[in-house]
Amino acid sequence: MNPVVHFEMPYDDRERMMQFYGAAFGWQLQALGPEMGEYVLAGTIECDEKGPKKPGAINGGFFQRNPEWPAQYPSVVIAVADIQEAMKTVGAAGGTLLGEPMAIPGVGLYISFFDTEGNRVSMLQYTSGCNAVP
């Protein structure tokens, strides 16, 4: 079974969003630069070198809203062992892949897709990081 390991949400104002989630929930937020699309990592759980300390808990992130991208709503990221095989499986099951896998340095390979109900979902093949699947 492939677990949900990450959530994503869009933002319009990065500083405002970071202030809100830091103050409201105590999340540890790390702003990445333009080379990563101004993405913001959201640490919501304690991790060690093996991954989350509490099974089932996940971290997340925020992406800058872009008028040219489809389906910019909160979504989930599912961990997969082999992204190429998972892409074939998603397509065969009726999903629509959104582009090609993107390499996230120090984390793994990432791709989004639409499920059969029009929801944007993503998959991630981890190579390392807090959410690494053992």
C-alpha atoms as a PDB file:
ATOM      1  CA  MET A   1       0.000   0.000   0.000  1.00  0.00           C
ATOM      2  CA  ASN A   2       1.298   3.483  -0.876  1.00  0.00           C
ATOM      3  CA  PRO A   3       0.860   5.952   2.020  1.00  0.00           C
ATOM      4  CA  VAL A   4      -0.031   9.646   1.962  1.00  0.00           C
ATOM      5  CA  VAL A   5       3.203  11.297   3.105  1.00  0.00           C
ATOM      6  CA  HIS A   6       2.844  14.998   2.377  1.00  0.00           C
ATOM      7  CA  PHE A   7       0.242  17.705   1.847  1.00  0.00           C
ATOM      8  CA  GLU A   8       0.416  20.776  -0.380  1.00  0.00           C
ATOM      9  CA  MET A   9      -1.484  24.052  -0.427  1.00  0.00           C
ATOM     10  CA  PRO A  10      -1.159  27.214  -2.535  1.00  0.00           C
ATOM     11  CA  TYR A  11      -0.337  30.659  -1.182  1.00  0.00           C
ATOM     12  CA  ASP A  12      -0.653  34.217  -2.496  1.00  0.00           C
ATOM     13  CA  ASP A  13       1.464  35.995   0.128  1.00  0.00           C
ATOM     14  CA  ARG A  14       4.363  33.861   1.389  1.00  0.00           C
ATOM     15  CA  GLU A  15       5.234  35.935   4.451  1.00  0.00           C
ATOM     16  CA  ARG A  16       1.595  36.202   5.544  1.00  0.00           C
ATOM     17  CA  MET A  17       1.099  32.442   5.114  1.00  0.00           C
ATOM     18  CA  MET A  18       4.289  31.617   7.027  1.00  0.00           C
ATOM     19  CA  GLN A  19       3.338  33.939   9.864  1.00  0.00           C
ATOM     20  CA  PHE A  20      -0.138  32.406  10.096  1.00  0.00           C
ATOM     21  CA  TYR A  21       0.854  28.725  10.186  1.00  0.00           C
ATOM     22  CA  GLY A  22       3.811  29.381  12.468  1.00  0.00           C
ATOM     23  CA  ALA A  23       1.677  31.335  14.946  1.00  0.00           C
ATOM     24  CA  ALA A  24      -1.505  29.272  14.706  1.00  0.00           C
ATOM     25  CA  PHE A  25       0.014  25.772  14.775  1.00  0.00           C
ATOM     26  CA  GLY A  26       3.688  26.134  15.682  1.00  0.00           C
ATOM     27  CA  TRP A  27       4.825  24.647  12.371  1.00  0.00           C
ATOM     28  CA  GLN A  28       8.478  25.022  11.379  1.00  0.00           C
ATOM     29  CA  LEU A  29       8.438  26.715   7.963  1.00  0.00           C
ATOM     30  CA  GLN A  30      11.429  26.840   5.626  1.00  0.00           C
ATOM     31  CA  ALA A  31      11.257  29.151   2.609  1.00  0.00           C
ATOM     32  CA  LEU A  32      13.115  27.853  -0.430  1.00  0.00           C
ATOM     33  CA  GLY A  33      14.434  30.109  -3.164  1.00  0.00           C
ATOM     34  CA  PRO A  34      13.565  30.753  -6.801  1.00  0.00           C
ATOM     35  CA  GLU A  35      15.389  27.603  -7.933  1.00  0.00           C
ATOM     36  CA  MET A  36      12.629  25.642  -6.132  1.00  0.00           C
ATOM     37  CA  GLY A  37       9.785  27.918  -7.216  1.00  0.00           C
ATOM     38  CA  GLU A  38       9.606  29.803  -3.880  1.00  0.00           C
ATOM     39  CA  TYR A  39       8.262  26.602  -2.269  1.00  0.00           C
ATOM     40  CA  VAL A  40       7.864  26.577   1.510  1.00  0.00           C
ATOM     41  CA  LEU A  41       8.442  23.368   3.467  1.00  0.00           C
ATOM     42  CA  ALA A  42       6.136  22.873   6.436  1.00  0.00           C
ATOM     43  CA  GLY A  43       7.544  20.784   9.281  1.00  0.00           C
ATOM     44  CA  THR A  44       4.547  19.581  11.277  1.00  0.00           C
ATOM     45  CA  ILE A  45       6.072  16.496  12.933  1.00  0.00           C
ATOM     46  CA  GLU A  46       9.265  15.322  14.605  1.00  0.00           C
ATOM     47  CA  CYS A  47      11.618  13.330  12.400  1.00  0.00           C
ATOM     48  CA  ASP A  48      14.848  11.416  12.730  1.00  0.00           C
ATOM     49  CA  GLU A  49      17.138   9.839  10.138  1.00  0.00           C
ATOM     50  CA  LYS A  50      14.583   7.064   9.517  1.00  0.00           C
ATOM     51  CA  GLY A  51      11.655   9.416   8.893  1.00  0.00           C
ATOM     52  CA  PRO A  52       8.647  10.492  10.990  1.00  0.00           C
ATOM     53  CA  LYS A  53       8.868   9.485  14.660  1.00  0.00           C
ATOM     54  CA  LYS A  54       5.098   9.046  14.836  1.00  0.00           C
ATOM     55  CA  PRO A  55       3.766   6.564  12.241  1.00  0.00           C
ATOM     56  CA  GLY A  56       1.102   8.040  10.005  1.00  0.00           C
ATOM     57  CA  ALA A  57       2.045  11.679  10.649  1.00  0.00           C
ATOM     58  CA  ILE A  58       3.059  13.797   7.654  1.00  0.00           C
ATOM     59  CA  ASN A  59       4.782  17.047   6.762  1.00  0.00           C
ATOM     60  CA  GLY A  60       3.741  19.384   3.988  1.00  0.00           C
ATOM     61  CA  GLY A  61       4.488  22.372   1.871  1.00  0.00           C
ATOM     62  CA  PHE A  62       3.112  25.462   0.207  1.00  0.00           C
ATOM     63  CA  PHE A  63       3.523  26.544  -3.406  1.00  0.00           C
ATOM     64  CA  GLN A  64       3.094  29.996  -4.890  1.00  0.00           C
ATOM     65  CA  ARG A  65      -0.197  30.277  -6.751  1.00  0.00           C
ATOM     66  CA  ASN A  66       0.353  30.525 -10.522  1.00  0.00           C
ATOM     67  CA  PRO A  67      -2.476  31.548 -12.897  1.00  0.00           C
ATOM     68  CA  GLU A  68      -1.092  29.211 -15.574  1.00  0.00           C
ATOM     69  CA  TRP A  69      -1.298  26.025 -13.472  1.00  0.00           C
ATOM     70  CA  PRO A  70      -4.385  23.813 -13.159  1.00  0.00           C
ATOM     71  CA  ALA A  71      -6.154  22.775  -9.951  1.00  0.00           C
ATOM     72  CA  GLN A  72      -4.362  24.867  -7.345  1.00  0.00           C
ATOM     73  CA  TYR A  73      -6.131  23.522  -4.275  1.00  0.00           C
ATOM     74  CA  PRO A  74      -4.988  21.678  -1.169  1.00  0.00           C
ATOM     75  CA  SER A  75      -3.865  18.207  -2.165  1.00  0.00           C
ATOM     76  CA  VAL A  76      -1.984  15.185  -0.928  1.00  0.00           C
ATOM     77  CA  VAL A  77       1.234  13.494  -2.032  1.00  0.00           C
ATOM     78  CA  ILE A  78       1.451   9.701  -2.135  1.00  0.00           C
ATOM     79  CA  ALA A  79       4.773   7.884  -1.698  1.00  0.00           C
ATOM     80  CA  VAL A  80       5.603   5.319  -4.365  1.00  0.00           C
ATOM     81  CA  ALA A  81       8.550   2.959  -4.657  1.00  0.00           C
ATOM     82  CA  ASP A  82       9.018   3.445  -8.427  1.00  0.00           C
ATOM     83  CA  ILE A  83       7.610   6.618  -9.993  1.00  0.00           C
ATOM     84  CA  GLN A  84       7.837   5.301 -13.571  1.00  0.00           C
ATOM     85  CA  GLU A  85       5.777   2.200 -12.704  1.00  0.00           C
ATOM     86  CA  ALA A  86       3.337   4.278 -10.649  1.00  0.00           C
ATOM     87  CA  MET A  87       2.839   6.632 -13.615  1.00  0.00           C
ATOM     88  CA  LYS A  88       1.912   3.645 -15.797  1.00  0.00           C
ATOM     89  CA  THR A  89      -0.487   2.365 -13.143  1.00  0.00           C
ATOM     90  CA  VAL A  90      -2.156   5.776 -12.690  1.00  0.00           C
ATOM     91  CA  GLY A  91      -2.604   6.109 -16.454  1.00  0.00           C
ATOM     92  CA  ALA A  92      -4.001   2.594 -16.798  1.00  0.00           C
ATOM     93  CA  ALA A  93      -6.470   3.281 -13.968  1.00  0.00           C
ATOM     94  CA  GLY A  94      -7.809   6.372 -15.770  1.00  0.00           C
ATOM     95  CA  GLY A  95      -5.687   9.157 -14.288  1.00  0.00           C
ATOM     96  CA  THR A  96      -4.077  11.957 -16.306  1.00  0.00           C
ATOM     97  CA  LEU A  97      -0.426  12.782 -15.632  1.00  0.00           C
ATOM     98  CA  LEU A  98       0.519  16.468 -15.505  1.00  0.00           C
ATOM     99  CA  GLY A  99       3.896  16.657 -17.223  1.00  0.00           C
ATOM    100  CA  GLU A 100       7.053  14.743 -16.426  1.00  0.00           C
ATOM    101  CA  PRO A 101       8.635  13.878 -13.065  1.00  0.00           C
ATOM    102  CA  MET A 102      10.536  16.745 -11.453  1.00  0.00           C
ATOM    103  CA  ALA A 103      13.703  16.086  -9.439  1.00  0.00           C
ATOM    104  CA  ILE A 104      13.615  17.635  -5.971  1.00  0.00           C
ATOM    105  CA  PRO A 105      17.242  17.827  -4.788  1.00  0.00           C
ATOM    106  CA  GLY A 106      17.840  15.783  -1.650  1.00  0.00           C
ATOM    107  CA  VAL A 107      14.273  14.414  -1.658  1.00  0.00           C
ATOM    108  CA  GLY A 108      13.327  12.478  -4.787  1.00  0.00           C
ATOM    109  CA  LEU A 109      11.151  12.524  -7.915  1.00  0.00           C
ATOM    110  CA  TYR A 110       7.735  14.232  -7.971  1.00  0.00           C
ATOM    111  CA  ILE A 111       4.810  14.356 -10.403  1.00  0.00           C
ATOM    112  CA  SER A 112       1.190  15.518 -10.177  1.00  0.00           C
ATOM    113  CA  PHE A 113      -1.836  13.958 -11.834  1.00  0.00           C
ATOM    114  CA  PHE A 114      -5.601  14.262 -12.031  1.00  0.00           C
ATOM    115  CA  ASP A 115      -7.543  11.305 -10.671  1.00  0.00           C
ATOM    116  CA  THR A 116     -10.757  10.138 -12.328  1.00  0.00           C
ATOM    117  CA  GLU A 117     -12.742  12.682 -10.277  1.00  0.00           C
ATOM    118  CA  GLY A 118     -10.688  15.706 -11.347  1.00  0.00           C
ATOM    119  CA  ASN A 119      -8.709  15.989  -8.103  1.00  0.00           C
ATOM    120  CA  ARG A 120      -5.055  17.031  -8.376  1.00  0.00           C
ATOM    121  CA  VAL A 121      -2.917  14.526  -6.499  1.00  0.00           C
ATOM    122  CA  SER A 122       0.850  13.990  -6.549  1.00  0.00           C
ATOM    123  CA  MET A 123       3.278  11.100  -6.241  1.00  0.00           C
ATOM    124  CA  LEU A 124       6.782  11.119  -4.821  1.00  0.00           C
ATOM    125  CA  GLN A 125       9.540   8.556  -5.084  1.00  0.00           C
ATOM    126  CA  TYR A 126      11.738   9.423  -2.096  1.00  0.00           C
ATOM    127  CA  THR A 127      15.494   9.076  -2.217  1.00  0.00           C
ATOM    128  CA  SER A 128      16.046  10.717   1.190  1.00  0.00           C
ATOM    129  CA  GLY A 129      14.484  13.184   3.570  1.00  0.00           C
ATOM    130  CA  CYS A 130      12.182  13.153   6.564  1.00  0.00           C
ATOM    131  CA  ASN A 131       9.355  11.463   4.706  1.00  0.00           C
ATOM    132  CA  ALA A 132      11.527   8.688   3.286  1.00  0.00           C
ATOM    133  CA  VAL A 133       9.700   5.394   3.098  1.00  0.00           C
ATOM    134  CA  PRO A 134      11.749   2.670   4.844  1.00  0.00           C
END
